[in-house]
Amino acid sequence: MKNFQPAYLALLENGELEKRVKLAFEHLENCDLCARTCHVNRQESVQGAACRTGEKAVVHSFGPHHGEEDPLRGRRGSGTIFFSWCNLQCSYCQNWEISHKGIGREVEPEELAEMMLNLQERGCHNINFVSPSHVVAQILAGVLIAAGKGLRLPIIYNTGGYDSMEALALLDGVVDIYMPDMKYGDSAIARKYSRIRDYWAINQAAIHEMYRQVGDLVVDEQGLATRGLQVRHLVLPNNLANSEKVITFLAEEISKGTYLNIMAQYHPAYQAHKTPQLNRRITAKEYEEAIMLAKEYGLRRYIHRKGMQSI
């Protein structure tokens, strides 16, 4: 990434990043750092916190990941850090051991920073925080330390899309690449299958704010992402994700240049076998209908299982 400068360096140099860390931990005392707004003092207890995470982040694993989209993985992989627990409770979660059972270990900000620096030393193209919405304060503390020790990679915020405006304000100028899910175009469906309220309204507001901060995805001369918005949408059986509503929103309210990954890998995981509407893979027709919608609404940059469409 020739001549690349991550967004957070400016905040490090003027002292703003340190201020953000302090403010984020103040939010943690009456937590509104995800859209659940539990208002639990997570510095003292996890009781009542939907994310079941206290003052310290819980990390499941970290390392180069070669399964992400091409602009993220490049040749040497995306430097992923997988956080345990989650602020969603999806009944079909494919990583339920991590998100629902919380398998992992607590880490201090210094260790989180060392993970980032290790990934940089191993040649990863970015730092990719997976399921970060409930650990924004801890991430900021880690980035402050890592940046002070030489971290210079773009930061990816890889989220389920149920993010609060308070958290996104703290992340403004820190995150280089936002990669949210748009899981549902219907809040009632989200409530039923992910146990969250007002997902559609909250998700739209979050995407608007993310796009305001970083704009369309920008790639360098090597095809690596350096800044911008990349959205993921998992096609669900029986149109439970309401793909048309999601695609219409992106095309008409965000940008026809939105980089959208239309994902086909749904399978009935975790508790999905208990729900007739979720207890099967999607059909080829269901997936192709989502692709046709992207074409119909004029999205110019979308990924599907056969490759990248870019006009």
Protein backbone atom coordinates (compact mmCIF):
# COMPACT_ATOMS: atom_id res chain seq x y z
CA MET A 1 0.00 0.00 0.00
CA LYS A 2 2.31 2.66 -1.30
CA ASN A 3 1.96 6.03 0.43
CA PHE A 4 -1.00 4.79 2.48
CA GLN A 5 -1.66 6.48 5.82
CA PRO A 6 -4.33 4.97 8.07
CA ALA A 7 -7.00 7.33 9.36
CA TYR A 8 -6.15 6.83 13.02
CA LEU A 9 -2.63 8.30 12.77
CA ALA A 10 -3.95 11.86 12.66
CA LEU A 11 -5.97 11.22 15.82
CA LEU A 12 -2.94 9.67 17.49
CA GLU A 13 -0.76 12.67 16.70
CA ASN A 14 -3.17 15.32 17.95
CA GLY A 15 -4.13 13.44 21.12
CA GLU A 16 -7.71 12.82 20.03
CA LEU A 17 -7.34 9.04 19.99
CA GLU A 18 -6.41 9.00 23.67
CA LYS A 19 -9.45 11.16 24.42
CA ARG A 20 -11.67 8.72 22.50
CA VAL A 21 -10.41 5.83 24.62
CA LYS A 22 -11.25 7.64 27.84
CA LEU A 23 -14.69 8.61 26.56
CA ALA A 24 -15.40 5.07 25.34
CA PHE A 25 -14.71 3.60 28.78
CA GLU A 26 -16.99 6.21 30.31
CA HIS A 27 -19.72 4.92 27.96
CA LEU A 28 -18.93 1.41 29.23
CA GLU A 29 -20.09 2.45 32.71
CA ASN A 30 -23.64 2.93 31.38
CA CYS A 31 -23.25 1.00 28.20
CA ASP A 32 -24.71 2.27 24.95
CA LEU A 33 -21.85 1.05 22.78
CA CYS A 34 -24.12 -1.09 20.63
CA ALA A 35 -27.71 -0.64 19.56
CA ARG A 36 -29.05 -2.75 22.42
CA THR A 37 -28.22 0.11 24.83
CA CYS A 38 -28.33 -2.16 27.87
CA HIS A 39 -27.08 0.63 30.19
CA VAL A 40 -25.16 -1.91 32.26
CA ASN A 41 -21.97 -0.85 34.05
CA ARG A 42 -19.74 -3.33 32.26
CA GLN A 43 -16.69 -2.20 34.21
CA GLU A 44 -18.24 -3.85 37.26
CA SER A 45 -20.41 -6.72 36.00
CA VAL A 46 -21.73 -8.54 32.95
CA GLN A 47 -25.10 -9.16 34.61
CA GLY A 48 -27.80 -7.76 32.34
CA ALA A 49 -25.41 -7.19 29.42
CA ALA A 50 -26.71 -8.89 26.29
CA CYS A 51 -23.16 -9.28 24.99
CA ARG A 52 -22.02 -10.99 28.23
CA THR A 53 -18.73 -9.11 27.98
CA GLY A 54 -17.28 -7.02 30.77
CA GLU A 55 -14.39 -4.57 30.94
CA LYS A 56 -12.05 -6.86 28.99
CA ALA A 57 -12.56 -8.08 25.45
CA VAL A 58 -12.73 -11.84 24.91
CA VAL A 59 -10.77 -13.06 21.88
CA HIS A 60 -11.34 -16.44 20.28
CA SER A 61 -8.46 -16.39 17.80
CA PHE A 62 -6.41 -14.23 15.47
CA GLY A 63 -4.39 -14.78 12.32
CA PRO A 64 -4.21 -14.26 8.54
CA HIS A 65 -7.53 -15.06 6.88
CA HIS A 66 -7.55 -16.00 3.20
CA GLY A 67 -11.30 -16.43 2.84
CA GLU A 68 -12.32 -12.76 2.79
CA GLU A 69 -13.15 -10.77 -0.34
CA ASP A 70 -10.26 -10.20 -2.77
CA PRO A 71 -9.61 -6.52 -1.85
CA LEU A 72 -9.21 -7.58 1.79
CA ARG A 73 -7.27 -10.83 1.59
CA GLY A 74 -4.83 -9.93 -1.18
CA ARG A 75 -1.93 -12.40 -1.32
CA ARG A 76 -1.01 -12.47 2.36
CA GLY A 77 -4.40 -12.50 4.01
CA SER A 78 -6.59 -10.22 6.08
CA GLY A 79 -5.38 -9.90 9.68
CA THR A 80 -8.47 -11.07 11.51
CA ILE A 81 -9.13 -10.87 15.24
CA PHE A 82 -12.25 -12.86 16.18
CA PHE A 83 -14.03 -11.55 19.26
CA SER A 84 -16.13 -13.93 21.33
CA TRP A 85 -19.76 -13.25 22.18
CA CYS A 86 -21.95 -11.00 20.02
CA ASN A 87 -24.66 -8.38 20.31
CA LEU A 88 -26.89 -10.47 18.02
CA GLN A 89 -28.41 -13.84 18.82
CA CYS A 90 -29.02 -15.32 15.38
CA SER A 91 -30.71 -18.71 15.56
CA TYR A 92 -28.81 -19.87 12.44
CA CYS A 93 -25.35 -18.56 13.42
CA GLN A 94 -22.57 -20.48 11.66
CA ASN A 95 -20.05 -19.49 14.37
CA TRP A 96 -22.33 -20.13 17.33
CA GLU A 97 -19.61 -21.67 19.49
CA ILE A 98 -17.87 -18.29 19.45
CA SER A 99 -20.84 -15.93 19.45
CA HIS A 100 -23.26 -17.83 21.72
CA LYS A 101 -20.98 -19.85 23.98
CA GLY A 102 -18.24 -17.24 24.21
CA ILE A 103 -15.34 -19.64 23.71
CA GLY A 104 -12.15 -17.59 24.03
CA ARG A 105 -10.12 -15.77 26.67
CA GLU A 106 -10.07 -12.30 28.15
CA VAL A 107 -7.27 -10.02 26.96
CA GLU A 108 -5.88 -6.71 28.15
CA PRO A 109 -5.56 -3.83 25.65
CA GLU A 110 -1.78 -4.38 25.58
CA GLU A 111 -2.24 -7.96 24.38
CA LEU A 112 -4.80 -6.88 21.82
CA ALA A 113 -2.25 -4.35 20.53
CA GLU A 114 0.39 -7.07 20.31
CA MET A 115 -1.98 -9.18 18.20
CA MET A 116 -2.33 -6.30 15.74
CA LEU A 117 1.42 -5.77 15.55
CA ASN A 118 1.97 -9.51 15.10
CA LEU A 119 -0.44 -9.58 12.17
CA GLN A 120 1.37 -6.62 10.61
CA GLU A 121 4.72 -8.39 11.04
CA ARG A 122 3.28 -11.48 9.34
CA GLY A 123 2.48 -9.43 6.25
CA CYS A 124 -1.30 -9.12 6.55
CA HIS A 125 -2.83 -6.33 4.50
CA ASN A 126 -5.15 -4.98 7.22
CA ILE A 127 -6.48 -5.47 10.73
CA ASN A 128 -9.94 -7.02 10.56
CA PHE A 129 -12.02 -6.84 13.76
CA VAL A 130 -14.72 -9.53 13.52
CA SER A 131 -17.87 -9.05 15.67
CA PRO A 132 -16.58 -5.80 17.22
CA SER A 133 -19.80 -3.97 18.11
CA HIS A 134 -19.74 -4.88 21.81
CA VAL A 135 -16.01 -4.20 22.33
CA VAL A 136 -15.56 -0.74 20.82
CA ALA A 137 -13.92 0.68 23.96
CA GLN A 138 -11.46 -2.20 24.18
CA ILE A 139 -10.62 -1.94 20.48
CA LEU A 140 -9.89 1.78 20.76
CA ALA A 141 -7.60 1.14 23.73
CA GLY A 142 -5.73 -1.51 21.75
CA VAL A 143 -5.41 0.67 18.66
CA LEU A 144 -4.02 3.53 20.74
CA ILE A 145 -1.22 1.30 22.02
CA ALA A 146 -0.56 -0.43 18.70
CA ALA A 147 -0.47 2.81 16.71
CA GLY A 148 2.03 4.22 19.18
CA LYS A 149 4.23 1.18 18.55
CA GLY A 150 4.12 1.39 14.77
CA LEU A 151 0.83 -0.06 13.52
CA ARG A 152 0.21 1.33 10.04
CA LEU A 153 -2.39 -0.99 8.49
CA PRO A 154 -5.98 -0.10 7.54
CA ILE A 155 -8.54 -1.05 10.16
CA ILE A 156 -11.67 -2.98 9.16
CA TYR A 157 -14.79 -2.91 11.31
CA ASN A 158 -16.49 -6.22 10.39
CA THR A 159 -19.90 -5.97 12.03
CA GLY A 160 -23.37 -7.50 12.09
CA GLY A 161 -24.67 -3.99 11.47
CA TYR A 162 -26.46 -3.45 14.78
CA ASP A 163 -24.31 -0.49 15.81
CA SER A 164 -25.11 2.58 17.88
CA MET A 165 -24.52 6.15 16.80
CA GLU A 166 -22.52 6.66 20.00
CA ALA A 167 -20.07 3.93 19.01
CA LEU A 168 -19.78 5.12 15.42
CA ALA A 169 -19.01 8.65 16.60
CA LEU A 170 -16.11 7.25 18.64
CA LEU A 171 -14.88 5.30 15.61
CA ASP A 172 -15.02 8.25 13.21
CA GLY A 173 -11.50 8.81 11.93
CA VAL A 174 -10.28 5.53 13.43
CA VAL A 175 -11.87 2.98 11.08
CA ASP A 176 -10.67 2.95 7.48
CA ILE A 177 -13.03 0.29 6.11
CA TYR A 178 -16.51 -0.45 7.40
CA MET A 179 -17.84 -3.90 6.49
CA PRO A 180 -21.35 -4.23 7.94
CA ASP A 181 -23.91 -6.92 7.30
CA MET A 182 -27.32 -5.94 6.08
CA LYS A 183 -29.05 -9.05 7.37
CA TYR A 184 -32.71 -8.13 7.05
CA GLY A 185 -34.98 -5.59 5.44
CA ASP A 186 -37.67 -6.32 8.01
CA SER A 187 -37.40 -5.66 11.74
CA ALA A 188 -40.05 -8.23 12.66
CA ILE A 189 -38.03 -10.97 10.96
CA ALA A 190 -34.88 -9.74 12.70
CA ARG A 191 -36.67 -9.86 16.05
CA LYS A 192 -37.80 -13.43 15.38
CA TYR A 193 -34.51 -14.90 14.19
CA SER A 194 -31.84 -12.66 15.78
CA ARG A 195 -33.67 -11.49 18.93
CA ILE A 196 -33.06 -7.79 18.34
CA ARG A 197 -35.43 -4.85 18.07
CA ASP A 198 -35.71 -2.27 15.28
CA TYR A 199 -32.92 -3.83 13.21
CA TRP A 200 -33.97 -2.34 9.89
CA ALA A 201 -34.12 1.26 11.15
CA ILE A 202 -30.92 0.92 13.20
CA ASN A 203 -29.07 -0.84 10.40
CA GLN A 204 -30.04 1.83 7.86
CA ALA A 205 -28.92 4.63 10.18
CA ALA A 206 -25.61 2.87 10.82
CA ILE A 207 -24.93 2.36 7.09
CA HIS A 208 -25.70 6.02 6.41
CA GLU A 209 -23.21 7.08 9.08
CA MET A 210 -20.54 4.65 7.95
CA TYR A 211 -20.85 5.86 4.40
CA ARG A 212 -20.68 9.49 5.53
CA GLN A 213 -17.41 8.73 7.26
CA VAL A 214 -15.61 6.72 4.57
CA GLY A 215 -17.53 6.84 1.26
CA ASP A 216 -17.36 4.21 -1.49
CA LEU A 217 -14.68 1.53 -1.29
CA VAL A 218 -11.30 2.67 -2.63
CA VAL A 219 -8.67 0.17 -3.80
CA ASP A 220 -5.01 0.83 -4.56
CA GLU A 221 -2.96 -0.10 -7.61
CA GLN A 222 -2.60 -3.65 -6.26
CA GLY A 223 -6.36 -4.05 -5.86
CA LEU A 224 -6.23 -3.81 -2.06
CA ALA A 225 -8.90 -1.89 -0.18
CA THR A 226 -7.63 1.18 1.66
CA ARG A 227 -10.80 3.01 2.67
CA GLY A 228 -14.56 2.90 2.24
CA LEU A 229 -17.75 0.92 2.75
CA GLN A 230 -18.18 -2.73 1.86
CA VAL A 231 -21.53 -4.40 2.61
CA ARG A 232 -22.39 -8.07 3.01
CA HIS A 233 -25.85 -9.50 2.46
CA LEU A 234 -26.58 -13.17 3.12
CA VAL A 235 -29.45 -14.50 1.03
CA LEU A 236 -31.80 -16.49 3.26
CA PRO A 237 -34.38 -19.12 2.23
CA ASN A 238 -37.96 -18.04 1.63
CA ASN A 239 -36.81 -14.40 1.15
CA LEU A 240 -36.50 -13.95 4.92
CA ALA A 241 -33.71 -11.41 4.36
CA ASN A 242 -35.95 -9.27 2.08
CA SER A 243 -33.10 -8.81 -0.40
CA GLU A 244 -34.98 -6.36 -2.61
CA LYS A 245 -35.49 -3.91 0.24
CA VAL A 246 -31.80 -4.08 1.16
CA ILE A 247 -30.60 -3.63 -2.42
CA THR A 248 -33.05 -0.81 -3.08
CA PHE A 249 -31.80 1.02 0.00
CA LEU A 250 -28.16 0.71 -1.02
CA ALA A 251 -28.79 1.79 -4.60
CA GLU A 252 -31.14 4.68 -3.85
CA GLU A 253 -30.00 5.99 -0.46
CA ILE A 254 -26.31 5.13 -0.24
CA SER A 255 -24.55 4.77 -3.61
CA LYS A 256 -24.78 2.74 -6.78
CA GLY A 257 -21.04 2.35 -6.32
CA THR A 258 -21.53 0.41 -3.07
CA TYR A 259 -19.30 -2.67 -2.96
CA LEU A 260 -21.81 -5.41 -2.09
CA ASN A 261 -21.08 -9.07 -1.45
CA ILE A 262 -24.24 -11.08 -2.16
CA MET A 263 -23.56 -14.26 -0.22
CA ALA A 264 -24.86 -17.73 -1.09
CA GLN A 265 -23.37 -19.85 1.69
CA TYR A 266 -26.36 -20.07 4.00
CA HIS A 267 -26.89 -23.51 5.53
CA PRO A 268 -29.03 -24.55 8.50
CA ALA A 269 -26.61 -24.16 11.41
CA TYR A 270 -27.07 -23.94 15.18
CA GLN A 271 -30.85 -24.01 15.86
CA ALA A 272 -32.08 -23.46 12.29
CA HIS A 273 -33.20 -27.08 11.98
CA LYS A 274 -35.96 -26.28 14.48
CA THR A 275 -37.47 -23.67 12.14
CA PRO A 276 -39.12 -24.96 8.94
CA GLN A 277 -38.47 -21.71 7.07
CA LEU A 278 -34.74 -21.89 7.80
CA ASN A 279 -34.21 -25.64 7.66
CA ARG A 280 -32.75 -25.84 4.14
CA ARG A 281 -30.12 -24.27 1.93
CA ILE A 282 -31.17 -21.58 -0.51
CA THR A 283 -32.06 -22.59 -4.05
CA ALA A 284 -30.22 -21.44 -7.17
CA LYS A 285 -33.34 -19.51 -8.13
CA GLU A 286 -33.45 -17.63 -4.83
CA TYR A 287 -29.83 -16.62 -5.22
CA GLU A 288 -30.13 -15.61 -8.87
CA GLU A 289 -33.14 -13.44 -8.01
CA ALA A 290 -30.95 -11.44 -5.63
CA ILE A 291 -28.29 -11.03 -8.33
CA MET A 292 -30.91 -9.82 -10.81
CA LEU A 293 -32.12 -7.26 -8.28
CA ALA A 294 -28.62 -5.83 -7.99
CA LYS A 295 -28.51 -5.48 -11.77
CA GLU A 296 -32.02 -4.05 -11.94
CA TYR A 297 -31.33 -1.35 -9.35
CA GLY A 298 -28.06 -0.35 -10.96
CA LEU A 299 -25.46 -1.44 -8.44
CA ARG A 300 -22.16 -1.34 -10.28
CA ARG A 301 -19.92 -3.25 -7.86
CA TYR A 302 -21.28 -6.45 -6.46
CA ILE A 303 -19.73 -9.83 -5.77
CA HIS A 304 -21.53 -13.09 -6.35
CA ARG A 305 -20.35 -16.66 -6.22
CA LYS A 306 -19.32 -16.60 -9.89
CA GLY A 307 -17.14 -13.54 -9.49
CA MET A 308 -17.11 -9.76 -9.35
CA GLN A 309 -19.45 -7.60 -11.38
CA SER A 310 -17.99 -4.13 -11.95
CA ILE A 311 -19.22 -1.66 -14.54
